[in-house]
Amino acid sequence: MIFMSIDPGTVTCGVAVWKIDDDYKIKDLYSFTIVIDSKIDMEERLDILRSKLKDYFNELKPYHLAHESAFINRLRPQAYGPIYASIYLLRTEFKKYKNIQSVYAYPPKSVKAKIIDGRADKFDMLEAISNISELSVWLSNEETEHEIDAIAIGYIHLLNIRDMPELLLL
C-alpha cells in the first residue's frame, strides 16, 4: 500500500511517499519538496500545485493522504489564506483521484508531541526523525525542513494505522 504525507504550502510543499507491506512495515520511503516561485501570483501558484499534485496522485495511486492541518499564530498571520487554500486544493484533488475521503489532517502540535517535545523547532524535528531507527535508514540527510515535516506527519499516520488497522477500511 502507498500513502502520501504532505506539509502543505503554496511556495514550498514537502511530500513523503510511503510504501508499506501487509504487516505495516516500511518497504520504501522517499521525500521531495515542491518549490514554486513566490513572485508568481497566488492563483497561478495554486494552479501549478494542483497540476503537480494531480500528476503525483495519478502516478503513485496513494491509498491515503495525510497532511498537516492549518495553524496560524501571531508570527504567521499572513499564512491564513495561502495555507487554507493549499489544504483545500490537496483535499479536493485527492478526492477527485480517489473518489473517497481517505484524507487525514494532523495538527502540528500533536505531531511534534508524538515525535518529540511539543515545542520542537525544525532542527529538533530533524534530529528526532533521524533518531527513529525505522526512519533513519530511509533518510539521505539532505531533506528540507518541509520534507522532514512531511515525514513526521506520515510517521504519525503510520503509527495510527498500526494502532487502528480499521483506518485502512476507510
Protein backbone atom coordinates (compact mmCIF):
# COMPACT_ATOMS: atom_id res chain seq x y z
CA MET A 1 0.00 0.00 0.00
CA ILE A 2 1.14 3.52 -0.76
CA PHE A 3 0.20 6.65 1.10
CA MET A 4 1.44 10.21 0.86
CA SER A 5 2.04 12.72 3.61
CA ILE A 6 2.29 16.40 2.88
CA ASP A 7 3.45 19.53 4.64
CA PRO A 8 1.26 21.97 2.67
CA GLY A 9 2.34 25.30 1.31
CA THR A 10 1.99 27.46 -1.76
CA VAL A 11 5.70 28.22 -2.16
CA THR A 12 7.24 25.11 -0.59
CA CYS A 13 5.32 21.90 -0.13
CA GLY A 14 7.03 18.91 1.48
CA VAL A 15 5.93 15.48 0.25
CA ALA A 16 6.75 12.00 1.56
CA VAL A 17 5.75 8.82 -0.25
CA TRP A 18 5.34 5.72 1.89
CA LYS A 19 5.15 2.11 0.74
CA ILE A 20 4.16 -0.28 3.50
CA ASP A 21 3.61 -4.03 3.49
CA ASP A 22 0.75 -6.08 4.93
CA ASP A 23 2.41 -6.01 8.37
CA TYR A 24 2.55 -2.17 8.21
CA LYS A 25 6.33 -2.12 7.92
CA ILE A 26 8.02 0.43 5.69
CA LYS A 27 9.14 -1.07 2.39
CA ASP A 28 10.11 2.25 0.82
CA LEU A 29 10.09 5.89 1.84
CA TYR A 30 11.26 8.90 -0.09
CA SER A 31 10.56 12.59 0.02
CA PHE A 32 10.82 15.70 -2.09
CA THR A 33 9.89 19.36 -1.98
CA ILE A 34 7.67 21.09 -4.49
CA VAL A 35 9.06 24.61 -4.87
CA ILE A 36 7.07 27.33 -6.61
CA ASP A 37 8.39 30.82 -7.27
CA SER A 38 6.98 33.17 -4.63
CA LYS A 39 6.91 36.03 -7.14
CA ILE A 40 4.14 34.29 -9.09
CA ASP A 41 0.68 35.41 -8.01
CA MET A 42 -1.28 33.15 -5.66
CA GLU A 43 -3.77 31.92 -8.25
CA GLU A 44 -1.02 30.75 -10.59
CA ARG A 45 0.92 29.10 -7.73
CA LEU A 46 -2.21 27.17 -6.78
CA ASP A 47 -2.68 26.09 -10.41
CA ILE A 48 0.92 24.83 -10.54
CA LEU A 49 0.48 22.99 -7.23
CA ARG A 50 -2.83 21.50 -8.40
CA SER A 51 -1.24 20.23 -11.61
CA LYS A 52 1.74 18.68 -9.81
CA LEU A 53 -0.44 17.01 -7.16
CA LYS A 54 -2.79 15.65 -9.79
CA ASP A 55 0.18 14.12 -11.62
CA TYR A 56 1.60 12.60 -8.41
CA PHE A 57 -1.76 11.16 -7.36
CA ASN A 58 -2.32 9.62 -10.79
CA GLU A 59 1.21 8.23 -11.00
CA LEU A 60 1.60 6.92 -7.44
CA LYS A 61 -2.02 5.97 -6.73
CA PRO A 62 -1.83 6.52 -2.96
CA TYR A 63 -4.43 4.86 -0.78
CA HIS A 64 -4.39 7.61 1.87
CA LEU A 65 -3.33 11.21 2.10
CA ALA A 66 -2.10 12.62 5.42
CA HIS A 67 -1.33 16.30 5.79
CA GLU A 68 -0.56 18.87 8.42
CA SER A 69 -3.61 20.83 9.42
CA ALA A 70 -3.50 24.60 9.22
CA PHE A 71 -2.17 26.60 12.07
CA ILE A 72 -1.96 30.31 12.32
CA ASN A 73 -0.21 32.17 15.08
CA ARG A 74 0.90 35.69 15.78
CA LEU A 75 4.16 35.04 13.92
CA ARG A 76 2.40 33.86 10.75
CA PRO A 77 -0.86 35.81 10.33
CA GLN A 78 -0.21 36.19 6.60
CA ALA A 79 -0.34 32.41 6.17
CA TYR A 80 -4.07 32.16 6.81
CA GLY A 81 -5.24 32.41 3.18
CA PRO A 82 -2.40 30.52 1.47
CA ILE A 83 -2.32 27.64 3.95
CA TYR A 84 -6.06 27.07 3.83
CA ALA A 85 -6.03 27.41 0.04
CA SER A 86 -3.30 24.77 -0.31
CA ILE A 87 -5.05 22.38 2.10
CA TYR A 88 -8.35 22.79 0.27
CA LEU A 89 -6.56 22.12 -3.01
CA LEU A 90 -4.84 18.98 -1.60
CA ARG A 91 -8.08 17.55 -0.33
CA THR A 92 -10.06 18.42 -3.46
CA GLU A 93 -7.51 16.92 -5.86
CA PHE A 94 -7.17 13.77 -3.77
CA LYS A 95 -10.94 13.30 -3.67
CA LYS A 96 -11.08 13.69 -7.47
CA TYR A 97 -8.43 11.00 -7.82
CA LYS A 98 -9.66 8.65 -5.09
CA ASN A 99 -13.37 9.50 -5.10
CA ILE A 100 -13.49 8.78 -1.36
CA GLN A 101 -12.47 10.69 1.73
CA SER A 102 -9.29 8.94 2.89
CA VAL A 103 -7.65 12.18 3.95
CA TYR A 104 -6.26 12.69 7.44
CA ALA A 105 -5.22 16.02 8.96
CA TYR A 106 -2.77 16.15 11.84
CA PRO A 107 -2.27 19.30 13.93
CA PRO A 108 1.39 20.36 14.13
CA LYS A 109 1.38 20.32 17.93
CA SER A 110 0.16 16.72 18.08
CA VAL A 111 2.76 15.62 15.51
CA LYS A 112 5.53 17.30 17.49
CA ALA A 113 4.19 15.90 20.77
CA LYS A 114 4.37 12.34 19.40
CA ILE A 115 7.76 12.78 17.75
CA ILE A 116 9.47 14.99 20.34
CA ASP A 117 8.68 17.71 22.86
CA GLY A 118 5.75 19.72 21.52
CA ARG A 119 7.84 22.88 21.25
CA ALA A 120 10.38 21.43 18.84
CA ASP A 121 11.85 23.62 16.12
CA LYS A 122 12.97 22.41 12.68
CA PHE A 123 16.38 21.28 13.95
CA ASP A 124 14.82 19.33 16.81
CA MET A 125 12.44 17.62 14.37
CA LEU A 126 15.29 16.65 12.06
CA GLU A 127 17.22 15.14 14.95
CA ALA A 128 14.16 13.35 16.33
CA ILE A 129 13.24 11.86 12.95
CA SER A 130 16.87 10.84 12.40
CA ASN A 131 16.83 9.01 15.74
CA ILE A 132 13.85 6.81 14.82
CA SER A 133 15.61 3.70 13.54
CA GLU A 134 12.91 2.61 11.11
CA LEU A 135 13.02 6.08 9.50
CA SER A 136 16.73 6.85 9.64
CA VAL A 137 17.59 4.14 7.11
CA TRP A 138 15.50 5.98 4.50
CA LEU A 139 16.95 9.45 5.07
CA SER A 140 19.57 11.00 2.80
CA ASN A 141 20.42 13.77 5.30
CA GLU A 142 19.61 16.27 2.56
CA GLU A 143 15.89 16.55 3.29
CA THR A 144 14.43 20.04 3.55
CA GLU A 145 12.59 21.11 6.68
CA HIS A 146 9.36 20.68 4.69
CA GLU A 147 10.26 17.09 3.82
CA ILE A 148 11.08 16.38 7.47
CA ASP A 149 7.67 17.73 8.45
CA ALA A 150 6.01 15.58 5.77
CA ILE A 151 7.91 12.53 7.07
CA ALA A 152 6.85 13.30 10.66
CA ILE A 153 3.21 13.63 9.58
CA GLY A 154 3.42 10.37 7.65
CA TYR A 155 5.05 8.57 10.55
CA ILE A 156 2.23 9.61 12.87
CA HIS A 157 -0.24 8.35 10.25
CA LEU A 158 1.65 5.04 10.04
CA LEU A 159 1.54 4.69 13.83
CA ASN A 160 -2.21 5.34 13.72
CA ILE A 161 -2.64 2.66 11.03
CA ARG A 162 -0.69 0.22 13.21
CA ASP A 163 -2.85 1.06 16.23
CA MET A 164 -6.13 1.14 14.27
CA PRO A 165 -5.88 -1.02 11.12
CA GLU A 166 -9.55 -0.28 10.51
CA LEU A 167 -8.36 3.06 9.11
CA LEU A 168 -7.45 1.08 6.00
CA LEU A 169 -11.13 0.24 5.52
CA LEU A 170 -12.00 3.90 5.10
